[in-house]
Amino acid sequence: GAAPVTIGRAAENTLVLDDDYVSGRHARLYPHEGAWVVEDLGSTN
């Protein structure tokens, strides 16, 4: 929709991944000018 999608191990993320190689707040997808943008949030891996 219009809201960003956060991905990571922490429970507050939109998509919670139970993976040892995923950080608590790993990545974010957000809409920008009609397209979706993916951004790494300073993850370790």
ModelCIF file with pLDDT and N, C-alpha, C, O atoms, coordinates in Angstrom:
data_MODEL
#
_entry.id   MODEL 
#
_entity.id                         1 
_entity.type                       polymer 
_entity.pdbx_number_of_molecules   1 
#
_entity_poly.entity_id                      1 
_entity_poly.type                           'polypeptide(L)' 
_entity_poly.nstd_linkage                   no 
_entity_poly.nstd_monomer                   no 
_entity_poly.pdbx_seq_one_letter_code       GAAPVTIGRAAENTLVLDDDYVSGRHARLYPHEGAWVVEDLGSTN 
_entity_poly.pdbx_seq_one_letter_code_can   GAAPVTIGRAAENTLVLDDDYVSGRHARLYPHEGAWVVEDLGSTN 
_entity_poly.pdbx_strand_id                 A 
#
loop_
_entity_poly_seq.entity_id 
_entity_poly_seq.num 
_entity_poly_seq.mon_id 
_entity_poly_seq.hetero 
1 1  GLY n 
1 2  ALA n 
1 3  ALA n 
1 4  PRO n 
1 5  VAL n 
1 6  THR n 
1 7  ILE n 
1 8  GLY n 
1 9  ARG n 
1 10 ALA n 
1 11 ALA n 
1 12 GLU n 
1 13 ASN n 
1 14 THR n 
1 15 LEU n 
1 16 VAL n 
1 17 LEU n 
1 18 ASP n 
1 19 ASP n 
1 20 ASP n 
1 21 TYR n 
1 22 VAL n 
1 23 SER n 
1 24 GLY n 
1 25 ARG n 
1 26 HIS n 
1 27 ALA n 
1 28 ARG n 
1 29 LEU n 
1 30 TYR n 
1 31 PRO n 
1 32 HIS n 
1 33 GLU n 
1 34 GLY n 
1 35 ALA n 
1 36 TRP n 
1 37 VAL n 
1 38 VAL n 
1 39 GLU n 
1 40 ASP n 
1 41 LEU n 
1 42 GLY n 
1 43 SER n 
1 44 THR n 
1 45 ASN n 
#
_struct_asym.id          A 
_struct_asym.entity_id   1 
#
loop_
_ma_qa_metric.id 
_ma_qa_metric.mode 
_ma_qa_metric.name 
_ma_qa_metric.software_group_id 
_ma_qa_metric.type 
1 global pLDDT . pLDDT 
2 local  pLDDT . pLDDT 
#
_ma_qa_metric_global.metric_id      1 
_ma_qa_metric_global.metric_value   91.40 
_ma_qa_metric_global.model_id       1 
_ma_qa_metric_global.ordinal_id     1 
#
loop_
_ma_qa_metric_local.label_asym_id 
_ma_qa_metric_local.label_comp_id 
_ma_qa_metric_local.label_seq_id 
_ma_qa_metric_local.metric_id 
_ma_qa_metric_local.metric_value 
_ma_qa_metric_local.model_id 
_ma_qa_metric_local.ordinal_id 
A GLY 1  2 87.00 1 1  
A ALA 2  2 86.00 1 2  
A ALA 3  2 90.00 1 3  
A PRO 4  2 92.00 1 4  
A VAL 5  2 93.00 1 5  
A THR 6  2 94.00 1 6  
A ILE 7  2 94.00 1 7  
A GLY 8  2 93.00 1 8  
A ARG 9  2 93.00 1 9  
A ALA 10 2 92.00 1 10 
A ALA 11 2 91.00 1 11 
A GLU 12 2 93.00 1 12 
A ASN 13 2 93.00 1 13 
A THR 14 2 92.00 1 14 
A LEU 15 2 92.00 1 15 
A VAL 16 2 92.00 1 16 
A LEU 17 2 92.00 1 17 
A ASP 18 2 89.00 1 18 
A ASP 19 2 88.00 1 19 
A ASP 20 2 89.00 1 20 
A TYR 21 2 91.00 1 21 
A VAL 22 2 93.00 1 22 
A SER 23 2 92.00 1 23 
A GLY 24 2 92.00 1 24 
A ARG 25 2 93.00 1 25 
A HIS 26 2 94.00 1 26 
A ALA 27 2 94.00 1 27 
A ARG 28 2 94.00 1 28 
A LEU 29 2 93.00 1 29 
A TYR 30 2 92.00 1 30 
A PRO 31 2 91.00 1 31 
A HIS 32 2 89.00 1 32 
A GLU 33 2 87.00 1 33 
A GLY 34 2 85.00 1 34 
A ALA 35 2 89.00 1 35 
A TRP 36 2 91.00 1 36 
A VAL 37 2 93.00 1 37 
A VAL 38 2 93.00 1 38 
A GLU 39 2 93.00 1 39 
A ASP 40 2 93.00 1 40 
A LEU 41 2 92.00 1 41 
A GLY 42 2 91.00 1 42 
A SER 43 2 92.00 1 43 
A THR 44 2 90.00 1 44 
A ASN 45 2 91.00 1 45 
#
loop_
_atom_site.group_PDB 
_atom_site.id 
_atom_site.type_symbol 
_atom_site.label_atom_id 
_atom_site.label_alt_id 
_atom_site.label_comp_id 
_atom_site.label_asym_id 
_atom_site.label_entity_id 
_atom_site.label_seq_id 
_atom_site.pdbx_PDB_ins_code 
_atom_site.Cartn_x 
_atom_site.Cartn_y 
_atom_site.Cartn_z 
_atom_site.occupancy 
_atom_site.B_iso_or_equiv 
_atom_site.pdbx_formal_charge 
_atom_site.auth_seq_id 
_atom_site.auth_comp_id 
_atom_site.auth_asym_id 
_atom_site.auth_atom_id 
_atom_site.pdbx_PDB_model_num 
ATOM 1   N N  . GLY A 1 1  ? 0.849  -1.182  0.000  1.00 87.00 ? 1  GLY A N  1 
ATOM 2   C CA . GLY A 1 1  ? 0.000  0.000   0.000  1.00 87.00 ? 1  GLY A CA 1 
ATOM 3   C C  . GLY A 1 1  ? 0.885  1.232   0.000  1.00 87.00 ? 1  GLY A C  1 
ATOM 4   O O  . GLY A 1 1  ? 1.891  1.283   -0.707 1.00 87.00 ? 1  GLY A O  1 
ATOM 5   N N  . ALA A 1 2  ? 0.510  2.219   0.792  1.00 86.00 ? 2  ALA A N  1 
ATOM 6   C CA . ALA A 1 2  ? 1.303  3.445   0.870  1.00 86.00 ? 2  ALA A CA 1 
ATOM 7   C C  . ALA A 1 2  ? 2.328  3.380   1.992  1.00 86.00 ? 2  ALA A C  1 
ATOM 8   O O  . ALA A 1 2  ? 3.248  4.198   2.033  1.00 86.00 ? 2  ALA A O  1 
ATOM 9   N N  . ALA A 1 3  ? 2.186  2.420   2.905  1.00 90.00 ? 3  ALA A N  1 
ATOM 10  C CA . ALA A 1 3  ? 3.080  2.325   4.061  1.00 90.00 ? 3  ALA A CA 1 
ATOM 11  C C  . ALA A 1 3  ? 4.344  1.553   3.699  1.00 90.00 ? 3  ALA A C  1 
ATOM 12  O O  . ALA A 1 3  ? 4.297  0.637   2.878  1.00 90.00 ? 3  ALA A O  1 
ATOM 13  N N  . PRO A 1 4  ? 5.469  1.914   4.304  1.00 92.00 ? 4  PRO A N  1 
ATOM 14  C CA . PRO A 1 4  ? 6.699  1.166   4.061  1.00 92.00 ? 4  PRO A CA 1 
ATOM 15  C C  . PRO A 1 4  ? 6.623  -0.227  4.688  1.00 92.00 ? 4  PRO A C  1 
ATOM 16  O O  . PRO A 1 4  ? 5.857  -0.455  5.624  1.00 92.00 ? 4  PRO A O  1 
ATOM 17  N N  . VAL A 1 5  ? 7.420  -1.145  4.165  1.00 93.00 ? 5  VAL A N  1 
ATOM 18  C CA . VAL A 1 5  ? 7.496  -2.509  4.675  1.00 93.00 ? 5  VAL A CA 1 
ATOM 19  C C  . VAL A 1 5  ? 8.886  -2.673  5.290  1.00 93.00 ? 5  VAL A C  1 
ATOM 20  O O  . VAL A 1 5  ? 9.896  -2.502  4.607  1.00 93.00 ? 5  VAL A O  1 
ATOM 21  N N  . THR A 1 6  ? 8.933  -3.006  6.581  1.00 94.00 ? 6  THR A N  1 
ATOM 22  C CA . THR A 1 6  ? 10.218 -3.249  7.232  1.00 94.00 ? 6  THR A CA 1 
ATOM 23  C C  . THR A 1 6  ? 10.427 -4.748  7.373  1.00 94.00 ? 6  THR A C  1 
ATOM 24  O O  . THR A 1 6  ? 9.478  -5.509  7.563  1.00 94.00 ? 6  THR A O  1 
ATOM 25  N N  . ILE A 1 7  ? 11.692 -5.159  7.276  1.00 94.00 ? 7  ILE A N  1 
ATOM 26  C CA . ILE A 1 7  ? 12.038 -6.572  7.294  1.00 94.00 ? 7  ILE A CA 1 
ATOM 27  C C  . ILE A 1 7  ? 13.160 -6.769  8.304  1.00 94.00 ? 7  ILE A C  1 
ATOM 28  O O  . ILE A 1 7  ? 14.128 -6.009  8.315  1.00 94.00 ? 7  ILE A O  1 
ATOM 29  N N  . GLY A 1 8  ? 13.033 -7.789  9.153  1.00 93.00 ? 8  GLY A N  1 
ATOM 30  C CA . GLY A 1 8  ? 14.072 -8.091  10.123 1.00 93.00 ? 8  GLY A CA 1 
ATOM 31  C C  . GLY A 1 8  ? 13.607 -9.126  11.123 1.00 93.00 ? 8  GLY A C  1 
ATOM 32  O O  . GLY A 1 8  ? 12.519 -9.690  10.998 1.00 93.00 ? 8  GLY A O  1 
ATOM 33  N N  . ARG A 1 9  ? 14.456 -9.372  12.132 1.00 93.00 ? 9  ARG A N  1 
ATOM 34  C CA . ARG A 1 9  ? 14.133 -10.360 13.159 1.00 93.00 ? 9  ARG A CA 1 
ATOM 35  C C  . ARG A 1 9  ? 13.256 -9.801  14.264 1.00 93.00 ? 9  ARG A C  1 
ATOM 36  O O  . ARG A 1 9  ? 12.539 -10.563 14.911 1.00 93.00 ? 9  ARG A O  1 
ATOM 37  N N  . ALA A 1 10 ? 13.287 -8.502  14.502 1.00 92.00 ? 10 ALA A N  1 
ATOM 38  C CA . ALA A 1 10 ? 12.528 -7.903  15.601 1.00 92.00 ? 10 ALA A CA 1 
ATOM 39  C C  . ALA A 1 10 ? 11.023 -8.014  15.344 1.00 92.00 ? 10 ALA A C  1 
ATOM 40  O O  . ALA A 1 10 ? 10.571 -7.994  14.199 1.00 92.00 ? 10 ALA A O  1 
ATOM 41  N N  . ALA A 1 11 ? 10.268 -8.129  16.420 1.00 91.00 ? 11 ALA A N  1 
ATOM 42  C CA . ALA A 1 11 ? 8.822  -8.352  16.322 1.00 91.00 ? 11 ALA A CA 1 
ATOM 43  C C  . ALA A 1 11 ? 8.066  -7.172  15.714 1.00 91.00 ? 11 ALA A C  1 
ATOM 44  O O  . ALA A 1 11 ? 6.969  -7.360  15.188 1.00 91.00 ? 11 ALA A O  1 
ATOM 45  N N  . GLU A 1 12 ? 8.625  -5.956  15.773 1.00 93.00 ? 12 GLU A N  1 
ATOM 46  C CA . GLU A 1 12 ? 7.888  -4.789  15.263 1.00 93.00 ? 12 GLU A CA 1 
ATOM 47  C C  . GLU A 1 12 ? 7.944  -4.659  13.742 1.00 93.00 ? 12 GLU A C  1 
ATOM 48  O O  . GLU A 1 12 ? 7.298  -3.766  13.194 1.00 93.00 ? 12 GLU A O  1 
ATOM 49  N N  . ASN A 1 13 ? 8.685  -5.509  13.043 1.00 93.00 ? 13 ASN A N  1 
ATOM 50  C CA . ASN A 1 13 ? 8.795  -5.438  11.587 1.00 93.00 ? 13 ASN A CA 1 
ATOM 51  C C  . ASN A 1 13 ? 7.525  -5.944  10.917 1.00 93.00 ? 13 ASN A C  1 
ATOM 52  O O  . ASN A 1 13 ? 6.775  -6.735  11.490 1.00 93.00 ? 13 ASN A O  1 
ATOM 53  N N  . THR A 1 14 ? 7.297  -5.473  9.693  1.00 92.00 ? 14 THR A N  1 
ATOM 54  C CA . THR A 1 14 ? 6.162  -5.952  8.907  1.00 92.00 ? 14 THR A CA 1 
ATOM 55  C C  . THR A 1 14 ? 6.362  -7.418  8.527  1.00 92.00 ? 14 THR A C  1 
ATOM 56  O O  . THR A 1 14 ? 5.434  -8.221  8.626  1.00 92.00 ? 14 THR A O  1 
ATOM 57  N N  . LEU A 1 15 ? 7.577  -7.767  8.091  1.00 92.00 ? 15 LEU A N  1 
ATOM 58  C CA . LEU A 1 15 ? 7.927  -9.149  7.749  1.00 92.00 ? 15 LEU A CA 1 
ATOM 59  C C  . LEU A 1 15 ? 9.015  -9.590  8.719  1.00 92.00 ? 15 LEU A C  1 
ATOM 60  O O  . LEU A 1 15 ? 10.148 -9.114  8.648  1.00 92.00 ? 15 LEU A O  1 
ATOM 61  N N  . VAL A 1 16 ? 8.668  -10.502 9.624  1.00 92.00 ? 16 VAL A N  1 
ATOM 62  C CA . VAL A 1 16 ? 9.609  -10.988 10.629 1.00 92.00 ? 16 VAL A CA 1 
ATOM 63  C C  . VAL A 1 16 ? 10.242 -12.272 10.101 1.00 92.00 ? 16 VAL A C  1 
ATOM 64  O O  . VAL A 1 16 ? 9.543  -13.236 9.791  1.00 92.00 ? 16 VAL A O  1 
ATOM 65  N N  . LEU A 1 17 ? 11.588 -12.275 10.001 1.00 92.00 ? 17 LEU A N  1 
ATOM 66  C CA . LEU A 1 17 ? 12.327 -13.434 9.510  1.00 92.00 ? 17 LEU A CA 1 
ATOM 67  C C  . LEU A 1 17 ? 13.122 -14.051 10.652 1.00 92.00 ? 17 LEU A C  1 
ATOM 68  O O  . LEU A 1 17 ? 13.908 -13.366 11.306 1.00 92.00 ? 17 LEU A O  1 
ATOM 69  N N  . ASP A 1 18 ? 12.921 -15.339 10.893 1.00 89.00 ? 18 ASP A N  1 
ATOM 70  C CA . ASP A 1 18 ? 13.668 -16.048 11.927 1.00 89.00 ? 18 ASP A CA 1 
ATOM 71  C C  . ASP A 1 18 ? 14.892 -16.671 11.260 1.00 89.00 ? 18 ASP A C  1 
ATOM 72  O O  . ASP A 1 18 ? 14.870 -17.833 10.853 1.00 89.00 ? 18 ASP A O  1 
ATOM 73  N N  . ASP A 1 19 ? 15.949 -15.887 11.155 1.00 88.00 ? 19 ASP A N  1 
ATOM 74  C CA . ASP A 1 19 ? 17.151 -16.287 10.423 1.00 88.00 ? 19 ASP A CA 1 
ATOM 75  C C  . ASP A 1 19 ? 18.358 -15.682 11.140 1.00 88.00 ? 19 ASP A C  1 
ATOM 76  O O  . ASP A 1 19 ? 18.361 -14.495 11.468 1.00 88.00 ? 19 ASP A O  1 
ATOM 77  N N  . ASP A 1 20 ? 19.375 -16.496 11.379 1.00 89.00 ? 20 ASP A N  1 
ATOM 78  C CA . ASP A 1 20 ? 20.564 -16.007 12.085 1.00 89.00 ? 20 ASP A CA 1 
ATOM 79  C C  . ASP A 1 20 ? 21.330 -14.957 11.300 1.00 89.00 ? 20 ASP A C  1 
ATOM 80  O O  . ASP A 1 20 ? 22.119 -14.217 11.888 1.00 89.00 ? 20 ASP A O  1 
ATOM 81  N N  . TYR A 1 21 ? 21.128 -14.868 10.002 1.00 91.00 ? 21 TYR A N  1 
ATOM 82  C CA . TYR A 1 21 ? 21.850 -13.916 9.160  1.00 91.00 ? 21 TYR A CA 1 
ATOM 83  C C  . TYR A 1 21 ? 21.081 -12.617 8.937  1.00 91.00 ? 21 TYR A C  1 
ATOM 84  O O  . TYR A 1 21 ? 21.506 -11.779 8.142  1.00 91.00 ? 21 TYR A O  1 
ATOM 85  N N  . VAL A 1 22 ? 19.960 -12.442 9.625  1.00 93.00 ? 22 VAL A N  1 
ATOM 86  C CA . VAL A 1 22 ? 19.117 -11.260 9.478  1.00 93.00 ? 22 VAL A CA 1 
ATOM 87  C C  . VAL A 1 22 ? 19.221 -10.423 10.752 1.00 93.00 ? 22 VAL A C  1 
ATOM 88  O O  . VAL A 1 22 ? 19.145 -10.962 11.856 1.00 93.00 ? 22 VAL A O  1 
ATOM 89  N N  . SER A 1 23 ? 19.394 -9.112  10.602 1.00 92.00 ? 23 SER A N  1 
ATOM 90  C CA . SER A 1 23 ? 19.486 -8.198  11.738 1.00 92.00 ? 23 SER A CA 1 
ATOM 91  C C  . SER A 1 23 ? 18.096 -7.891  12.291 1.00 92.00 ? 23 SER A C  1 
ATOM 92  O O  . SER A 1 23 ? 17.083 -8.225  11.676 1.00 92.00 ? 23 SER A O  1 
ATOM 93  N N  . GLY A 1 24 ? 18.064 -7.252  13.453 1.00 92.00 ? 24 GLY A N  1 
ATOM 94  C CA . GLY A 1 24 ? 16.788 -6.889  14.082 1.00 92.00 ? 24 GLY A CA 1 
ATOM 95  C C  . GLY A 1 24 ? 15.951 -5.997  13.185 1.00 92.00 ? 24 GLY A C  1 
ATOM 96  O O  . GLY A 1 24 ? 14.764 -6.256  12.985 1.00 92.00 ? 24 GLY A O  1 
ATOM 97  N N  . ARG A 1 25 ? 16.552 -4.952  12.644 1.00 93.00 ? 25 ARG A N  1 
ATOM 98  C CA . ARG A 1 25 ? 15.928 -4.090  11.620 1.00 93.00 ? 25 ARG A CA 1 
ATOM 99  C C  . ARG A 1 25 ? 16.872 -4.133  10.438 1.00 93.00 ? 25 ARG A C  1 
ATOM 100 O O  . ARG A 1 25 ? 17.857 -3.395  10.399 1.00 93.00 ? 25 ARG A O  1 
ATOM 101 N N  . HIS A 1 26 ? 16.585 -4.981  9.485  1.00 94.00 ? 26 HIS A N  1 
ATOM 102 C CA . HIS A 1 26 ? 17.521 -5.295  8.413  1.00 94.00 ? 26 HIS A CA 1 
ATOM 103 C C  . HIS A 1 26 ? 17.347 -4.406  7.188  1.00 94.00 ? 26 HIS A C  1 
ATOM 104 O O  . HIS A 1 26 ? 18.304 -3.780  6.731  1.00 94.00 ? 26 HIS A O  1 
ATOM 105 N N  . ALA A 1 27 ? 16.139 -4.351  6.660  1.00 94.00 ? 27 ALA A N  1 
ATOM 106 C CA . ALA A 1 27 ? 15.898 -3.608  5.408  1.00 94.00 ? 27 ALA A CA 1 
ATOM 107 C C  . ALA A 1 27 ? 14.508 -3.006  5.425  1.00 94.00 ? 27 ALA A C  1 
ATOM 108 O O  . ALA A 1 27 ? 13.658 -3.345  6.249  1.00 94.00 ? 27 ALA A O  1 
ATOM 109 N N  . ARG A 1 28 ? 14.310 -2.089  4.474  1.00 94.00 ? 28 ARG A N  1 
ATOM 110 C CA . ARG A 1 28 ? 13.012 -1.406  4.357  1.00 94.00 ? 28 ARG A CA 1 
ATOM 111 C C  . ARG A 1 28 ? 12.688 -1.224  2.890  1.00 94.00 ? 28 ARG A C  1 
ATOM 112 O O  . ARG A 1 28 ? 13.568 -0.904  2.091  1.00 94.00 ? 28 ARG A O  1 
ATOM 113 N N  . LEU A 1 29 ? 11.425 -1.427  2.526  1.00 93.00 ? 29 LEU A N  1 
ATOM 114 C CA . LEU A 1 29 ? 10.907 -1.129  1.192  1.00 93.00 ? 29 LEU A CA 1 
ATOM 115 C C  . LEU A 1 29 ? 9.898  -0.011  1.364  1.00 93.00 ? 29 LEU A C  1 
ATOM 116 O O  . LEU A 1 29 ? 9.047  -0.068  2.252  1.00 93.00 ? 29 LEU A O  1 
ATOM 117 N N  . TYR A 1 30 ? 9.988  1.012   0.514  1.00 92.00 ? 30 TYR A N  1 
ATOM 118 C CA . TYR A 1 30 ? 9.044  2.117   0.623  1.00 92.00 ? 30 TYR A CA 1 
ATOM 119 C C  . TYR A 1 30 ? 8.725  2.658   -0.770 1.00 92.00 ? 30 TYR A C  1 
ATOM 120 O O  . TYR A 1 30 ? 9.564  2.614   -1.670 1.00 92.00 ? 30 TYR A O  1 
ATOM 121 N N  . PRO A 1 31 ? 7.490  3.176   -0.939 1.00 91.00 ? 31 PRO A N  1 
ATOM 122 C CA . PRO A 1 31 ? 7.116  3.738   -2.239 1.00 91.00 ? 31 PRO A CA 1 
ATOM 123 C C  . PRO A 1 31 ? 7.721  5.121   -2.418 1.00 91.00 ? 31 PRO A C  1 
ATOM 124 O O  . PRO A 1 31 ? 7.759  5.923   -1.484 1.00 91.00 ? 31 PRO A O  1 
ATOM 125 N N  . HIS A 1 32 ? 8.194  5.389   -3.635 1.00 89.00 ? 32 HIS A N  1 
ATOM 126 C CA . HIS A 1 32 ? 8.767  6.695   -3.952 1.00 89.00 ? 32 HIS A CA 1 
ATOM 127 C C  . HIS A 1 32 ? 8.529  6.979   -5.425 1.00 89.00 ? 32 HIS A C  1 
ATOM 128 O O  . HIS A 1 32 ? 9.071  6.293   -6.292 1.00 89.00 ? 32 HIS A O  1 
ATOM 129 N N  . GLU A 1 33 ? 7.718  7.989   -5.705 1.00 87.00 ? 33 GLU A N  1 
ATOM 130 C CA . GLU A 1 33 ? 7.427  8.429   -7.072 1.00 87.00 ? 33 GLU A CA 1 
ATOM 131 C C  . GLU A 1 33 ? 6.963  7.282   -7.967 1.00 87.00 ? 33 GLU A C  1 
ATOM 132 O O  . GLU A 1 33 ? 7.449  7.119   -9.086 1.00 87.00 ? 33 GLU A O  1 
ATOM 133 N N  . GLY A 1 34 ? 6.017  6.489   -7.461 1.00 85.00 ? 34 GLY A N  1 
ATOM 134 C CA . GLY A 1 34 ? 5.423  5.433   -8.267 1.00 85.00 ? 34 GLY A CA 1 
ATOM 135 C C  . GLY A 1 34 ? 6.228  4.151   -8.344 1.00 85.00 ? 34 GLY A C  1 
ATOM 136 O O  . GLY A 1 34 ? 5.806  3.213   -9.020 1.00 85.00 ? 34 GLY A O  1 
ATOM 137 N N  . ALA A 1 35 ? 7.365  4.075   -7.681 1.00 89.00 ? 35 ALA A N  1 
ATOM 138 C CA . ALA A 1 35 ? 8.187  2.862   -7.687 1.00 89.00 ? 35 ALA A CA 1 
ATOM 139 C C  . ALA A 1 35 ? 8.481  2.464   -6.245 1.00 89.00 ? 35 ALA A C  1 
ATOM 140 O O  . ALA A 1 35 ? 8.303  3.266   -5.328 1.00 89.00 ? 35 ALA A O  1 
ATOM 141 N N  . TRP A 1 36 ? 8.931  1.231   -6.044 1.00 91.00 ? 36 TRP A N  1 
ATOM 142 C CA . TRP A 1 36 ? 9.318  0.767   -4.723 1.00 91.00 ? 36 TRP A CA 1 
ATOM 143 C C  . TRP A 1 36 ? 10.832 0.812   -4.612 1.00 91.00 ? 36 TRP A C  1 
ATOM 144 O O  . TRP A 1 36 ? 11.552 0.405   -5.523 1.00 91.00 ? 36 TRP A O  1 
ATOM 145 N N  . VAL A 1 37 ? 11.296 1.311   -3.483 1.00 93.00 ? 37 VAL A N  1 
ATOM 146 C CA . VAL A 1 37 ? 12.729 1.460   -3.226 1.00 93.00 ? 37 VAL A CA 1 
ATOM 147 C C  . VAL A 1 37 ? 13.098 0.529   -2.081 1.00 93.00 ? 37 VAL A C  1 
ATOM 148 O O  . VAL A 1 37 ? 12.372 0.441   -1.091 1.00 93.00 ? 37 VAL A O  1 
ATOM 149 N N  . VAL A 1 38 ? 14.234 -0.174  -2.214 1.00 93.00 ? 38 VAL A N  1 
ATOM 150 C CA . VAL A 1 38 ? 14.731 -1.045  -1.155 1.00 93.00 ? 38 VAL A CA 1 
ATOM 151 C C  . VAL A 1 38 ? 15.961 -0.385  -0.541 1.00 93.00 ? 38 VAL A C  1 
ATOM 152 O O  . VAL A 1 38 ? 16.819 0.143   -1.248 1.00 93.00 ? 38 VAL A O  1 
ATOM 153 N N  . GLU A 1 39 ? 16.028 -0.426  0.792  1.00 93.00 ? 39 GLU A N  1 
ATOM 154 C CA . GLU A 1 39 ? 17.117 0.226   1.522  1.00 93.00 ? 39 GLU A CA 1 
ATOM 155 C C  . GLU A 1 39 ? 17.607 -0.701  2.624  1.00 93.00 ? 39 GLU A C  1 
ATOM 156 O O  . GLU A 1 39 ? 16.802 -1.245  3.380  1.00 93.00 ? 39 GLU A O  1 
ATOM 157 N N  . ASP A 1 40 ? 18.910 -0.884  2.722  1.00 93.00 ? 40 ASP A N  1 
ATOM 158 C CA . ASP A 1 40 ? 19.511 -1.633  3.815  1.00 93.00 ? 40 ASP A CA 1 
ATOM 159 C C  . ASP A 1 40 ? 19.603 -0.691  5.016  1.00 93.00 ? 40 ASP A C  1 
ATOM 160 O O  . ASP A 1 40 ? 20.026 0.455   4.868  1.00 93.00 ? 40 ASP A O  1 
ATOM 161 N N  . LEU A 1 41 ? 19.213 -1.160  6.196  1.00 92.00 ? 41 LEU A N  1 
ATOM 162 C CA . LEU A 1 41 ? 19.191 -0.312  7.385  1.00 92.00 ? 41 LEU A CA 1 
ATOM 163 C C  . LEU A 1 41 ? 20.428 -0.520  8.254  1.00 92.00 ? 41 LEU A C  1 
ATOM 164 O O  . LEU A 1 41 ? 20.335 -0.526  9.482  1.00 92.00 ? 41 LEU A O  1 
ATOM 165 N N  . GLY A 1 42 ? 21.581 -0.690  7.622  1.00 91.00 ? 42 GLY A N  1 
ATOM 166 C CA . GLY A 1 42 ? 22.820 -0.863  8.370  1.00 91.00 ? 42 GLY A CA 1 
ATOM 167 C C  . GLY A 1 42 ? 22.968 -2.261  8.933  1.00 91.00 ? 42 GLY A C  1 
ATOM 168 O O  . GLY A 1 42 ? 23.521 -2.438  10.018 1.00 91.00 ? 42 GLY A O  1 
ATOM 169 N N  . SER A 1 43 ? 22.482 -3.252  8.213  1.00 92.00 ? 43 SER A N  1 
ATOM 170 C CA . SER A 1 43 ? 22.542 -4.628  8.688  1.00 92.00 ? 43 SER A CA 1 
ATOM 171 C C  . SER A 1 43 ? 23.977 -5.152  8.687  1.00 92.00 ? 43 SER A C  1 
ATOM 172 O O  . SER A 1 43 ? 24.847 -4.628  7.990  1.00 92.00 ? 43 SER A O  1 
ATOM 173 N N  . THR A 1 44 ? 24.200 -6.185  9.472  1.00 90.00 ? 44 THR A N  1 
ATOM 174 C CA . THR A 1 44 ? 25.532 -6.776  9.572  1.00 90.00 ? 44 THR A CA 1 
ATOM 175 C C  . THR A 1 44 ? 25.904 -7.535  8.307  1.00 90.00 ? 44 THR A C  1 
ATOM 176 O O  . THR A 1 44 ? 27.021 -7.391  7.809  1.00 90.00 ? 44 THR A O  1 
ATOM 177 N N  . ASN A 1 45 ? 24.990 -8.337  7.779  1.00 91.00 ? 45 ASN A N  1 
ATOM 178 C CA . ASN A 1 45 ? 25.295 -9.196  6.635  1.00 91.00 ? 45 ASN A CA 1 
ATOM 179 C C  . ASN A 1 45 ? 24.872 -8.633  5.288  1.00 91.00 ? 45 ASN A C  1 
ATOM 180 O O  . ASN A 1 45 ? 25.081 -9.274  4.258  1.00 91.00 ? 45 ASN A O  1 
#
